[in-house]
Amino acid sequence: MSKKSVHDSVAVFEQALLGSPEKHYTLKLYVAGSSPQSVRAIANVKKICDEYLHGRYELQIVDLYQQPQLAQGEQIIAAPTLIKKLPLPLRRIIGEMSNTERVLVGLDLRKKA
């Protein structure tokens, strides 16, 4: 196999790992009330989704103060926590989501540098 075809094969494999750009994302953001950190996390996730997943995502926001039973079912130990349910694999991102690059890597929209 030539060096170029190996490189091309690696590029195709890496793209397959990242998934098709047309995949639909199912996300859940768990927050704790309307604290400043929760408000920032909601705004940051919405901005990232609108910019990078426009029309290809479903975002459910769960307030753990209003629905505390959901924390146990999803094993939430900190808030805010963003869970990417689909496409697989499942991913969890904890924090206010202000580091866009970290969130994109967590959503498998970018490769880890």
PDB file of N, CA and C in Angstrom:
ATOM      1  N   MET A   1       0.857  -1.180   0.000  1.00  0.00           N
ATOM      2  CA  MET A   1       0.000   0.000   0.000  1.00  0.00           C
ATOM      3  C   MET A   1       0.895   1.233   0.000  1.00  0.00           C
ATOM      4  N   SER A   2       0.611   2.177  -0.864  1.00  0.00           N
ATOM      5  CA  SER A   2       1.449   3.367  -0.961  1.00  0.00           C
ATOM      6  C   SER A   2       1.219   4.284   0.242  1.00  0.00           C
ATOM      7  N   LYS A   3       2.165   5.176   0.451  1.00  0.00           N
ATOM      8  CA  LYS A   3       2.074   6.112   1.568  1.00  0.00           C
ATOM      9  C   LYS A   3       0.830   6.991   1.454  1.00  0.00           C
ATOM     10  N   LYS A   4       0.517   7.430   0.210  1.00  0.00           N
ATOM     11  CA  LYS A   4      -0.645   8.288   0.001  1.00  0.00           C
ATOM     12  C   LYS A   4      -1.950   7.549   0.306  1.00  0.00           C
ATOM     13  N   SER A   5      -2.074   6.283  -0.122  1.00  0.00           N
ATOM     14  CA  SER A   5      -3.312   5.552   0.132  1.00  0.00           C
ATOM     15  C   SER A   5      -3.481   5.246   1.624  1.00  0.00           C
ATOM     16  N   VAL A   6      -2.367   5.052   2.329  1.00  0.00           N
ATOM     17  CA  VAL A   6      -2.443   4.861   3.783  1.00  0.00           C
ATOM     18  C   VAL A   6      -2.948   6.143   4.431  1.00  0.00           C
ATOM     19  N   HIS A   7      -2.408   7.286   4.001  1.00  0.00           N
ATOM     20  CA  HIS A   7      -2.845   8.576   4.534  1.00  0.00           C
ATOM     21  C   HIS A   7      -4.330   8.796   4.236  1.00  0.00           C
ATOM     22  N   ASP A   8      -4.755   8.496   3.002  1.00  0.00           N
ATOM     23  CA  ASP A   8      -6.167   8.650   2.633  1.00  0.00           C
ATOM     24  C   ASP A   8      -7.051   7.744   3.474  1.00  0.00           C
ATOM     25  N   SER A   9      -6.590   6.513   3.721  1.00  0.00           N
ATOM     26  CA  SER A   9      -7.367   5.575   4.537  1.00  0.00           C
ATOM     27  C   SER A   9      -7.505   6.072   5.968  1.00  0.00           C
ATOM     28  N   VAL A  10      -6.430   6.629   6.504  1.00  0.00           N
ATOM     29  CA  VAL A  10      -6.463   7.177   7.858  1.00  0.00           C
ATOM     30  C   VAL A  10      -7.448   8.342   7.917  1.00  0.00           C
ATOM     31  N   ALA A  11      -7.426   9.216   6.912  1.00  0.00           N
ATOM     32  CA  ALA A  11      -8.346  10.362   6.887  1.00  0.00           C
ATOM     33  C   ALA A  11      -9.795   9.896   6.827  1.00  0.00           C
ATOM     34  N   VAL A  12     -10.076   8.886   6.010  1.00  0.00           N
ATOM     35  CA  VAL A  12     -11.441   8.345   5.920  1.00  0.00           C
ATOM     36  C   VAL A  12     -11.854   7.742   7.257  1.00  0.00           C
ATOM     37  N   PHE A  13     -10.956   7.008   7.901  1.00  0.00           N
ATOM     38  CA  PHE A  13     -11.254   6.392   9.195  1.00  0.00           C
ATOM     39  C   PHE A  13     -11.520   7.453  10.256  1.00  0.00           C
ATOM     40  N   GLU A  14     -10.689   8.503  10.290  1.00  0.00           N
ATOM     41  CA  GLU A  14     -10.893   9.565  11.274  1.00  0.00           C
ATOM     42  C   GLU A  14     -12.218  10.272  11.051  1.00  0.00           C
ATOM     43  N   GLN A  15     -12.587  10.506   9.808  1.00  0.00           N
ATOM     44  CA  GLN A  15     -13.880  11.137   9.519  1.00  0.00           C
ATOM     45  C   GLN A  15     -15.025  10.245   9.975  1.00  0.00           C
ATOM     46  N   ALA A  16     -14.892   8.927   9.772  1.00  0.00           N
ATOM     47  CA  ALA A  16     -15.930   7.987  10.211  1.00  0.00           C
ATOM     48  C   ALA A  16     -16.069   8.015  11.731  1.00  0.00           C
ATOM     49  N   LEU A  17     -14.941   8.141  12.437  1.00  0.00           N
ATOM     50  CA  LEU A  17     -14.991   8.228  13.896  1.00  0.00           C
ATOM     51  C   LEU A  17     -15.732   9.474  14.354  1.00  0.00           C
ATOM     52  N   LEU A  18     -15.553  10.566  13.644  1.00  0.00           N
ATOM     53  CA  LEU A  18     -16.220  11.807  14.010  1.00  0.00           C
ATOM     54  C   LEU A  18     -17.706  11.763  13.684  1.00  0.00           C
ATOM     55  N   GLY A  19     -18.092  10.876  12.815  1.00  0.00           N
ATOM     56  CA  GLY A  19     -19.504  10.749  12.474  1.00  0.00           C
ATOM     57  C   GLY A  19     -19.890  11.680  11.349  1.00  0.00           C
ATOM     58  N   SER A  20     -21.010  11.397  10.774  1.00  0.00           N
ATOM     59  CA  SER A  20     -21.526  12.205   9.681  1.00  0.00           C
ATOM     60  C   SER A  20     -21.969  13.559  10.205  1.00  0.00           C
ATOM     61  N   PRO A  21     -21.683  14.636   9.462  1.00  0.00           N
ATOM     62  CA  PRO A  21     -22.115  15.954   9.925  1.00  0.00           C
ATOM     63  C   PRO A  21     -23.633  16.102   9.925  1.00  0.00           C
ATOM     64  N   GLU A  22     -24.327  15.158   9.338  1.00  0.00           N
ATOM     65  CA  GLU A  22     -25.781  15.235   9.272  1.00  0.00           C
ATOM     66  C   GLU A  22     -26.466  14.505  10.432  1.00  0.00           C
ATOM     67  N   LYS A  23     -25.711  13.936  11.343  1.00  0.00           N
ATOM     68  CA  LYS A  23     -26.314  13.213  12.458  1.00  0.00           C
ATOM     69  C   LYS A  23     -27.080  14.161  13.373  1.00  0.00           C
ATOM     70  N   HIS A  24     -28.171  13.644  13.925  1.00  0.00           N
ATOM     71  CA  HIS A  24     -29.001  14.401  14.850  1.00  0.00           C
ATOM     72  C   HIS A  24     -28.497  14.147  16.274  1.00  0.00           C
ATOM     73  N   TYR A  25     -28.369  15.197  17.051  1.00  0.00           N
ATOM     74  CA  TYR A  25     -27.850  15.100  18.417  1.00  0.00           C
ATOM     75  C   TYR A  25     -28.986  15.222  19.424  1.00  0.00           C
ATOM     76  N   THR A  26     -28.963  14.349  20.414  1.00  0.00           N
ATOM     77  CA  THR A  26     -29.903  14.403  21.520  1.00  0.00           C
ATOM     78  C   THR A  26     -29.094  14.736  22.769  1.00  0.00           C
ATOM     79  N   LEU A  27     -29.388  15.895  23.351  1.00  0.00           N
ATOM     80  CA  LEU A  27     -28.615  16.416  24.472  1.00  0.00           C
ATOM     81  C   LEU A  27     -29.524  16.713  25.657  1.00  0.00           C
ATOM     82  N   LYS A  28     -28.994  16.503  26.863  1.00  0.00           N
ATOM     83  CA  LYS A  28     -29.686  16.895  28.094  1.00  0.00           C
ATOM     84  C   LYS A  28     -28.714  17.717  28.922  1.00  0.00           C
ATOM     85  N   LEU A  29     -29.178  18.879  29.348  1.00  0.00           N
ATOM     86  CA  LEU A  29     -28.374  19.750  30.201  1.00  0.00           C
ATOM     87  C   LEU A  29     -29.029  19.802  31.571  1.00  0.00           C
ATOM     88  N   TYR A  30     -28.313  19.325  32.581  1.00  0.00           N
ATOM     89  CA  TYR A  30     -28.801  19.335  33.955  1.00  0.00           C
ATOM     90  C   TYR A  30     -28.217  20.555  34.663  1.00  0.00           C
ATOM     91  N   VAL A  31     -29.109  21.384  35.226  1.00  0.00           N
ATOM     92  CA  VAL A  31     -28.696  22.589  35.935  1.00  0.00           C
ATOM     93  C   VAL A  31     -29.320  22.595  37.324  1.00  0.00           C
ATOM     94  N   ALA A  32     -28.796  23.460  38.175  1.00  0.00           N
ATOM     95  CA  ALA A  32     -29.303  23.588  39.542  1.00  0.00           C
ATOM     96  C   ALA A  32     -29.939  24.962  39.703  1.00  0.00           C
ATOM     97  N   GLY A  33     -31.211  25.047  39.394  1.00  0.00           N
ATOM     98  CA  GLY A  33     -31.935  26.305  39.551  1.00  0.00           C
ATOM     99  C   GLY A  33     -31.477  27.360  38.568  1.00  0.00           C
ATOM    100  N   SER A  34     -31.605  28.617  38.996  1.00  0.00           N
ATOM    101  CA  SER A  34     -31.239  29.732  38.117  1.00  0.00           C
ATOM    102  C   SER A  34     -29.996  30.448  38.637  1.00  0.00           C
ATOM    103  N   SER A  35     -29.072  29.661  39.144  1.00  0.00           N
ATOM    104  CA  SER A  35     -27.807  30.238  39.611  1.00  0.00           C
ATOM    105  C   SER A  35     -27.066  30.853  38.425  1.00  0.00           C
ATOM    106  N   PRO A  36     -26.152  31.781  38.695  1.00  0.00           N
ATOM    107  CA  PRO A  36     -25.380  32.376  37.594  1.00  0.00           C
ATOM    108  C   PRO A  36     -24.655  31.317  36.744  1.00  0.00           C
ATOM    109  N   GLN A  37     -24.123  30.290  37.396  1.00  0.00           N
ATOM    110  CA  GLN A  37     -23.419  29.231  36.662  1.00  0.00           C
ATOM    111  C   GLN A  37     -24.389  28.460  35.761  1.00  0.00           C
ATOM    112  N   SER A  38     -25.596  28.195  36.242  1.00  0.00           N
ATOM    113  CA  SER A  38     -26.593  27.499  35.438  1.00  0.00           C
ATOM    114  C   SER A  38     -27.028  28.346  34.247  1.00  0.00           C
ATOM    115  N   VAL A  39     -27.253  29.627  34.486  1.00  0.00           N
ATOM    116  CA  VAL A  39     -27.670  30.536  33.413  1.00  0.00           C
ATOM    117  C   VAL A  39     -26.588  30.613  32.337  1.00  0.00           C
ATOM    118  N   ARG A  40     -25.306  30.708  32.759  1.00  0.00           N
ATOM    119  CA  ARG A  40     -24.202  30.740  31.793  1.00  0.00           C
ATOM    120  C   ARG A  40     -24.121  29.444  31.003  1.00  0.00           C
ATOM    121  N   ALA A  41     -24.296  28.310  31.688  1.00  0.00           N
ATOM    122  CA  ALA A  41     -24.231  27.015  31.004  1.00  0.00           C
ATOM    123  C   ALA A  41     -25.324  26.899  29.950  1.00  0.00           C
ATOM    124  N   ILE A  42     -26.544  27.322  30.278  1.00  0.00           N
ATOM    125  CA  ILE A  42     -27.654  27.266  29.323  1.00  0.00           C
ATOM    126  C   ILE A  42     -27.342  28.138  28.110  1.00  0.00           C
ATOM    127  N   ALA A  43     -26.899  29.365  28.357  1.00  0.00           N
ATOM    128  CA  ALA A  43     -26.586  30.284  27.255  1.00  0.00           C
ATOM    129  C   ALA A  43     -25.449  29.735  26.394  1.00  0.00           C
ATOM    130  N   ASN A  44     -24.414  29.200  27.023  1.00  0.00           N
ATOM    131  CA  ASN A  44     -23.271  28.681  26.278  1.00  0.00           C
ATOM    132  C   ASN A  44     -23.649  27.469  25.429  1.00  0.00           C
ATOM    133  N   VAL A  45     -24.424  26.556  25.996  1.00  0.00           N
ATOM    134  CA  VAL A  45     -24.824  25.360  25.241  1.00  0.00           C
ATOM    135  C   VAL A  45     -25.732  25.746  24.077  1.00  0.00           C
ATOM    136  N   LYS A  46     -26.674  26.636  24.312  1.00  0.00           N
ATOM    137  CA  LYS A  46     -27.550  27.072  23.218  1.00  0.00           C
ATOM    138  C   LYS A  46     -26.755  27.730  22.102  1.00  0.00           C
ATOM    139  N   LYS A  47     -25.785  28.560  22.462  1.00  0.00           N
ATOM    140  CA  LYS A  47     -24.962  29.233  21.457  1.00  0.00           C
ATOM    141  C   LYS A  47     -24.160  28.216  20.651  1.00  0.00           C
ATOM    142  N   ILE A  48     -23.544  27.265  21.329  1.00  0.00           N
ATOM    143  CA  ILE A  48     -22.754  26.235  20.649  1.00  0.00           C
ATOM    144  C   ILE A  48     -23.640  25.396  19.733  1.00  0.00           C
ATOM    145  N   CYS A  49     -24.794  24.997  20.227  1.00  0.00           N
ATOM    146  CA  CYS A  49     -25.711  24.183  19.416  1.00  0.00           C
ATOM    147  C   CYS A  49     -26.199  24.949  18.193  1.00  0.00           C
ATOM    148  N   ASP A  50     -26.564  26.198  18.380  1.00  0.00           N
ATOM    149  CA  ASP A  50     -27.041  27.002  17.249  1.00  0.00           C
ATOM    150  C   ASP A  50     -25.946  27.198  16.201  1.00  0.00           C
ATOM    151  N   GLU A  51     -24.722  27.343  16.658  1.00  0.00           N
ATOM    152  CA  GLU A  51     -23.622  27.601  15.730  1.00  0.00           C
ATOM    153  C   GLU A  51     -23.124  26.337  15.032  1.00  0.00           C
ATOM    154  N   TYR A  52     -23.005  25.231  15.766  1.00  0.00           N
ATOM    155  CA  TYR A  52     -22.384  24.028  15.220  1.00  0.00           C
ATOM    156  C   TYR A  52     -23.361  22.911  14.877  1.00  0.00           C
ATOM    157  N   LEU A  53     -24.564  22.944  15.413  1.00  0.00           N
ATOM    158  CA  LEU A  53     -25.539  21.871  15.175  1.00  0.00           C
ATOM    159  C   LEU A  53     -26.870  22.407  14.666  1.00  0.00           C
ATOM    160  N   HIS A  54     -26.884  23.560  14.070  1.00  0.00           N
ATOM    161  CA  HIS A  54     -28.118  24.230  13.661  1.00  0.00           C
ATOM    162  C   HIS A  54     -29.081  23.267  12.959  1.00  0.00           C
ATOM    163  N   GLY A  55     -30.247  23.096  13.555  1.00  0.00           N
ATOM    164  CA  GLY A  55     -31.283  22.253  12.978  1.00  0.00           C
ATOM    165  C   GLY A  55     -31.059  20.763  13.138  1.00  0.00           C
ATOM    166  N   ARG A  56     -29.999  20.370  13.849  1.00  0.00           N
ATOM    167  CA  ARG A  56     -29.687  18.950  13.981  1.00  0.00           C
ATOM    168  C   ARG A  56     -29.591  18.506  15.439  1.00  0.00           C
ATOM    169  N   TYR A  57     -30.290  19.196  16.319  1.00  0.00           N
ATOM    170  CA  TYR A  57     -30.177  18.816  17.729  1.00  0.00           C
ATOM    171  C   TYR A  57     -31.501  19.002  18.454  1.00  0.00           C
ATOM    172  N   GLU A  58     -31.606  18.244  19.532  1.00  0.00           N
ATOM    173  CA  GLU A  58     -32.711  18.385  20.482  1.00  0.00           C
ATOM    174  C   GLU A  58     -32.061  18.583  21.842  1.00  0.00           C
ATOM    175  N   LEU A  59     -32.360  19.692  22.484  1.00  0.00           N
ATOM    176  CA  LEU A  59     -31.775  20.015  23.785  1.00  0.00           C
ATOM    177  C   LEU A  59     -32.875  20.069  24.824  1.00  0.00           C
ATOM    178  N   GLN A  60     -32.735  19.237  25.835  1.00  0.00           N
ATOM    179  CA  GLN A  60     -33.670  19.252  26.965  1.00  0.00           C
ATOM    180  C   GLN A  60     -32.910  19.794  28.167  1.00  0.00           C
ATOM    181  N   ILE A  61     -33.493  20.797  28.824  1.00  0.00           N
ATOM    182  CA  ILE A  61     -32.876  21.382  30.015  1.00  0.00           C
ATOM    183  C   ILE A  61     -33.658  20.897  31.226  1.00  0.00           C
ATOM    184  N   VAL A  62     -32.934  20.301  32.166  1.00  0.00           N
ATOM    185  CA  VAL A  62     -33.547  19.730  33.366  1.00  0.00           C
ATOM    186  C   VAL A  62     -33.039  20.493  34.580  1.00  0.00           C
ATOM    187  N   ASP A  63     -33.968  21.107  35.321  1.00  0.00           N
ATOM    188  CA  ASP A  63     -33.624  21.798  36.558  1.00  0.00           C
ATOM    189  C   ASP A  63     -33.718  20.786  37.701  1.00  0.00           C
ATOM    190  N   LEU A  64     -32.590  20.492  38.295  1.00  0.00           N
ATOM    191  CA  LEU A  64     -32.547  19.477  39.345  1.00  0.00           C
ATOM    192  C   LEU A  64     -33.248  19.916  40.624  1.00  0.00           C
ATOM    193  N   TYR A  65     -33.482  21.222  40.790  1.00  0.00           N
ATOM    194  CA  TYR A  65     -34.265  21.669  41.943  1.00  0.00           C
ATOM    195  C   TYR A  65     -35.730  21.311  41.752  1.00  0.00           C
ATOM    196  N   GLN A  66     -36.196  21.339  40.512  1.00  0.00           N
ATOM    197  CA  GLN A  66     -37.592  21.011  40.226  1.00  0.00           C
ATOM    198  C   GLN A  66     -37.801  19.517  40.037  1.00  0.00           C
ATOM    199  N   GLN A  67     -36.781  18.802  39.569  1.00  0.00           N
ATOM    200  CA  GLN A  67     -36.898  17.365  39.317  1.00  0.00           C
ATOM    201  C   GLN A  67     -35.683  16.628  39.886  1.00  0.00           C
ATOM    202  N   PRO A  68     -35.526  16.616  41.212  1.00  0.00           N
ATOM    203  CA  PRO A  68     -34.325  16.017  41.813  1.00  0.00           C
ATOM    204  C   PRO A  68     -34.190  14.514  41.570  1.00  0.00           C
ATOM    205  N   GLN A  69     -35.304  13.830  41.344  1.00  0.00           N
ATOM    206  CA  GLN A  69     -35.256  12.387  41.120  1.00  0.00           C
ATOM    207  C   GLN A  69     -34.484  12.036  39.843  1.00  0.00           C
ATOM    208  N   LEU A  70     -34.414  12.960  38.907  1.00  0.00           N
ATOM    209  CA  LEU A  70     -33.707  12.694  37.652  1.00  0.00           C
ATOM    210  C   LEU A  70     -32.192  12.638  37.835  1.00  0.00           C
ATOM    211  N   ALA A  71     -31.693  13.265  38.875  1.00  0.00           N
ATOM    212  CA  ALA A  71     -30.248  13.244  39.137  1.00  0.00           C
ATOM    213  C   ALA A  71     -29.780  11.827  39.432  1.00  0.00           C
ATOM    214  N   GLN A  72     -30.550  11.084  40.179  1.00  0.00           N
ATOM    215  CA  GLN A  72     -30.160   9.722  40.522  1.00  0.00           C
ATOM    216  C   GLN A  72     -30.239   8.809  39.312  1.00  0.00           C
ATOM    217  N   GLY A  73     -31.285   8.952  38.521  1.00  0.00           N
ATOM    218  CA  GLY A  73     -31.456   8.104  37.348  1.00  0.00           C
ATOM    219  C   GLY A  73     -30.338   8.263  36.332  1.00  0.00           C
ATOM    220  N   GLU A  74     -29.810   9.459  36.216  1.00  0.00           N
ATOM    221  CA  GLU A  74     -28.723   9.733  35.267  1.00  0.00           C
ATOM    222  C   GLU A  74     -27.361   9.768  35.944  1.00  0.00           C
ATOM    223  N   GLN A  75     -27.328   9.517  37.236  1.00  0.00           N
ATOM    224  CA  GLN A  75     -26.093   9.538  38.025  1.00  0.00           C
ATOM    225  C   GLN A  75     -25.371  10.880  37.904  1.00  0.00           C
ATOM    226  N   ILE A  76     -26.133  11.958  38.092  1.00  0.00           N
ATOM    227  CA  ILE A  76     -25.582  13.307  38.049  1.00  0.00           C
ATOM    228  C   ILE A  76     -24.967  13.611  39.412  1.00  0.00           C
ATOM    229  N   ILE A  77     -23.680  13.951  39.401  1.00  0.00           N
ATOM    230  CA  ILE A  77     -23.005  14.250  40.665  1.00  0.00           C
ATOM    231  C   ILE A  77     -22.615  15.721  40.769  1.00  0.00           C
ATOM    232  N   ALA A  78     -22.742  16.457  39.660  1.00  0.00           N
ATOM    233  CA  ALA A  78     -22.414  17.887  39.655  1.00  0.00           C
ATOM    234  C   ALA A  78     -23.306  18.574  38.632  1.00  0.00           C
ATOM    235  N   ALA A  79     -23.547  19.835  38.868  1.00  0.00           N
ATOM    236  CA  ALA A  79     -24.349  20.607  37.915  1.00  0.00           C
ATOM    237  C   ALA A  79     -23.626  21.920  37.662  1.00  0.00           C
ATOM    238  N   PRO A  80     -23.645  22.407  36.463  1.00  0.00           N
ATOM    239  CA  PRO A  80     -24.295  21.867  35.271  1.00  0.00           C
ATOM    240  C   PRO A  80     -23.526  20.677  34.671  1.00  0.00           C
ATOM    241  N   THR A  81     -24.296  19.749  34.108  1.00  0.00           N
ATOM    242  CA  THR A  81     -23.756  18.609  33.383  1.00  0.00           C
ATOM    243  C   THR A  81     -24.516  18.480  32.072  1.00  0.00           C
ATOM    244  N   LEU A  82     -23.777  18.381  30.984  1.00  0.00           N
ATOM    245  CA  LEU A  82     -24.356  18.160  29.668  1.00  0.00           C
ATOM    246  C   LEU A  82     -24.107  16.708  29.277  1.00  0.00           C
ATOM    247  N   ILE A  83     -25.170  16.015  28.892  1.00  0.00           N
ATOM    248  CA  ILE A  83     -25.051  14.629  28.451  1.00  0.00           C
ATOM    249  C   ILE A  83     -25.425  14.553  26.989  1.00  0.00           C
ATOM    250  N   LYS A  84     -24.518  13.992  26.202  1.00  0.00           N
ATOM    251  CA  LYS A  84     -24.807  13.711  24.795  1.00  0.00           C
ATOM    252  C   LYS A  84     -25.286  12.272  24.723  1.00  0.00           C
ATOM    253  N   LYS A  85     -26.588  12.095  24.492  1.00  0.00           N
ATOM    254  CA  LYS A  85     -27.175  10.756  24.419  1.00  0.00           C
ATOM    255  C   LYS A  85     -26.941  10.146  23.036  1.00  0.00           C
ATOM    256  N   LEU A  86     -27.200  10.924  22.005  1.00  0.00           N
ATOM    257  CA  LEU A  86     -27.025  10.477  20.627  1.00  0.00           C
ATOM    258  C   LEU A  86     -26.342  11.564  19.843  1.00  0.00           C
ATOM    259  N   PRO A  87     -25.536  11.246  18.863  1.00  0.00           N
ATOM    260  CA  PRO A  87     -25.132   9.899  18.476  1.00  0.00           C
ATOM    261  C   PRO A  87     -24.173   9.302  19.503  1.00  0.00           C
ATOM    262  N   LEU A  88     -24.153   7.992  19.543  1.00  0.00           N
ATOM    263  CA  LEU A  88     -23.260   7.287  20.457  1.00  0.00           C
ATOM    264  C   LEU A  88     -21.818   7.575  20.080  1.00  0.00           C
ATOM    265  N   PRO A  89     -20.899   7.508  20.982  1.00  0.00           N
ATOM    266  CA  PRO A  89     -21.011   7.091  22.368  1.00  0.00           C
ATOM    267  C   PRO A  89     -21.536   8.209  23.259  1.00  0.00           C
ATOM    268  N   LEU A  90     -22.139   7.815  24.353  1.00  0.00           N
ATOM    269  CA  LEU A  90     -22.641   8.756  25.343  1.00  0.00           C
ATOM    270  C   LEU A  90     -21.457   9.532  25.923  1.00  0.00           C
ATOM    271  N   ARG A  91     -21.633  10.829  26.101  1.00  0.00           N
ATOM    272  CA  ARG A  91     -20.580  11.674  26.675  1.00  0.00           C
ATOM    273  C   ARG A  91     -21.175  12.571  27.745  1.00  0.00           C
ATOM    274  N   ARG A  92     -20.358  12.911  28.747  1.00  0.00           N
ATOM    275  CA  ARG A  92     -20.745  13.830  29.817  1.00  0.00           C
ATOM    276  C   ARG A  92     -19.729  14.962  29.883  1.00  0.00           C
ATOM    277  N   ILE A  93     -20.249  16.169  29.975  1.00  0.00           N
ATOM    278  CA  ILE A  93     -19.395  17.348  30.104  1.00  0.00           C
ATOM    279  C   ILE A  93     -19.901  18.113  31.321  1.00  0.00           C
ATOM    280  N   ILE A  94     -18.995  18.414  32.241  1.00  0.00           N
ATOM    281  CA  ILE A  94     -19.380  19.081  33.489  1.00  0.00           C
ATOM    282  C   ILE A  94     -18.787  20.487  33.507  1.00  0.00           C
ATOM    283  N   GLY A  95     -19.589  21.455  33.952  1.00  0.00           N
ATOM    284  CA  GLY A  95     -19.119  22.829  34.071  1.00  0.00           C
ATOM    285  C   GLY A  95     -20.056  23.786  33.358  1.00  0.00           C
ATOM    286  N   GLU A  96     -19.650  25.033  33.288  1.00  0.00           N
ATOM    287  CA  GLU A  96     -20.536  26.050  32.713  1.00  0.00           C
ATOM    288  C   GLU A  96     -20.454  26.125  31.193  1.00  0.00           C
ATOM    289  N   MET A  97     -19.682  25.242  30.585  1.00  0.00           N
ATOM    290  CA  MET A  97     -19.593  25.107  29.122  1.00  0.00           C
ATOM    291  C   MET A  97     -19.003  26.347  28.454  1.00  0.00           C
ATOM    292  N   SER A  98     -18.160  27.090  29.174  1.00  0.00           N
ATOM    293  CA  SER A  98     -17.587  28.309  28.616  1.00  0.00           C
ATOM    294  C   SER A  98     -16.403  28.027  27.698  1.00  0.00           C
ATOM    295  N   ASN A  99     -15.803  26.850  27.809  1.00  0.00           N
ATOM    296  CA  ASN A  99     -14.698  26.464  26.934  1.00  0.00           C
ATOM    297  C   ASN A  99     -15.291  25.752  25.712  1.00  0.00           C
ATOM    298  N   THR A 100     -15.548  26.514  24.662  1.00  0.00           N
ATOM    299  CA  THR A 100     -16.218  25.983  23.475  1.00  0.00           C
ATOM    300  C   THR A 100     -15.456  24.802  22.884  1.00  0.00           C
ATOM    301  N   GLU A 101     -14.156  24.889  22.814  1.00  0.00           N
ATOM    302  CA  GLU A 101     -13.357  23.810  22.230  1.00  0.00           C
ATOM    303  C   GLU A 101     -13.550  22.511  23.010  1.00  0.00           C
ATOM    304  N   ARG A 102     -13.562  22.605  24.335  1.00  0.00           N
ATOM    305  CA  ARG A 102     -13.758  21.430  25.184  1.00  0.00           C
ATOM    306  C   ARG A 102     -15.142  20.815  24.957  1.00  0.00           C
ATOM    307  N   VAL A 103     -16.149  21.655  24.813  1.00  0.00           N
ATOM    308  CA  VAL A 103     -17.510  21.162  24.569  1.00  0.00           C
ATOM    309  C   VAL A 103     -17.574  20.495  23.198  1.00  0.00           C
ATOM    310  N   LEU A 104     -16.956  21.094  22.196  1.00  0.00           N
ATOM    311  CA  LEU A 104     -16.967  20.505  20.850  1.00  0.00           C
ATOM    312  C   LEU A 104     -16.276  19.152  20.827  1.00  0.00           C
ATOM    313  N   VAL A 105     -15.176  19.024  21.547  1.00  0.00           N
ATOM    314  CA  VAL A 105     -14.494  17.728  21.648  1.00  0.00           C
ATOM    315  C   VAL A 105     -15.399  16.734  22.370  1.00  0.00           C
ATOM    316  N   GLY A 106     -16.056  17.170  23.441  1.00  0.00           N
ATOM    317  CA  GLY A 106     -16.961  16.302  24.183  1.00  0.00           C
ATOM    318  C   GLY A 106     -18.152  15.843  23.364  1.00  0.00           C
ATOM    319  N   LEU A 107     -18.579  16.674  22.422  1.00  0.00           N
ATOM    320  CA  LEU A 107     -19.697  16.315  21.547  1.00  0.00           C
ATOM    321  C   LEU A 107     -19.220  15.559  20.306  1.00  0.00           C
ATOM    322  N   ASP A 108     -17.929  15.299  20.219  1.00  0.00           N
ATOM    323  CA  ASP A 108     -17.322  14.625  19.060  1.00  0.00           C
ATOM    324  C   ASP A 108     -17.468  15.432  17.780  1.00  0.00           C
ATOM    325  N   LEU A 109     -17.486  16.755  17.911  1.00  0.00           N
ATOM    326  CA  LEU A 109     -17.528  17.628  16.737  1.00  0.00           C
ATOM    327  C   LEU A 109     -16.127  18.072  16.324  1.00  0.00           C
ATOM    328  N   ARG A 110     -15.175  17.898  17.221  1.00  0.00           N
ATOM    329  CA  ARG A 110     -13.769  18.205  16.944  1.00  0.00           C
ATOM    330  C   ARG A 110     -12.916  17.113  17.557  1.00  0.00           C
ATOM    331  N   LYS A 111     -11.771  16.885  16.936  1.00  0.00           N
ATOM    332  CA  LYS A 111     -10.810  15.935  17.495  1.00  0.00           C
ATOM    333  C   LYS A 111     -10.044  16.606  18.613  1.00  0.00           C
ATOM    334  N   LYS A 112      -9.662  15.822  19.588  1.00  0.00           N
ATOM    335  CA  LYS A 112      -8.854  16.333  20.698  1.00  0.00           C
ATOM    336  C   LYS A 112      -7.472  16.695  20.172  1.00  0.00           C
ATOM    337  N   ALA A 113      -7.004  17.885  20.520  1.00  0.00           N
ATOM    338  CA  ALA A 113      -5.696  18.344  20.009  1.00  0.00           C
ATOM    339  C   ALA A 113      -4.564  17.630  20.686  1.00  0.00           C
TER     340      ALA A 113
END
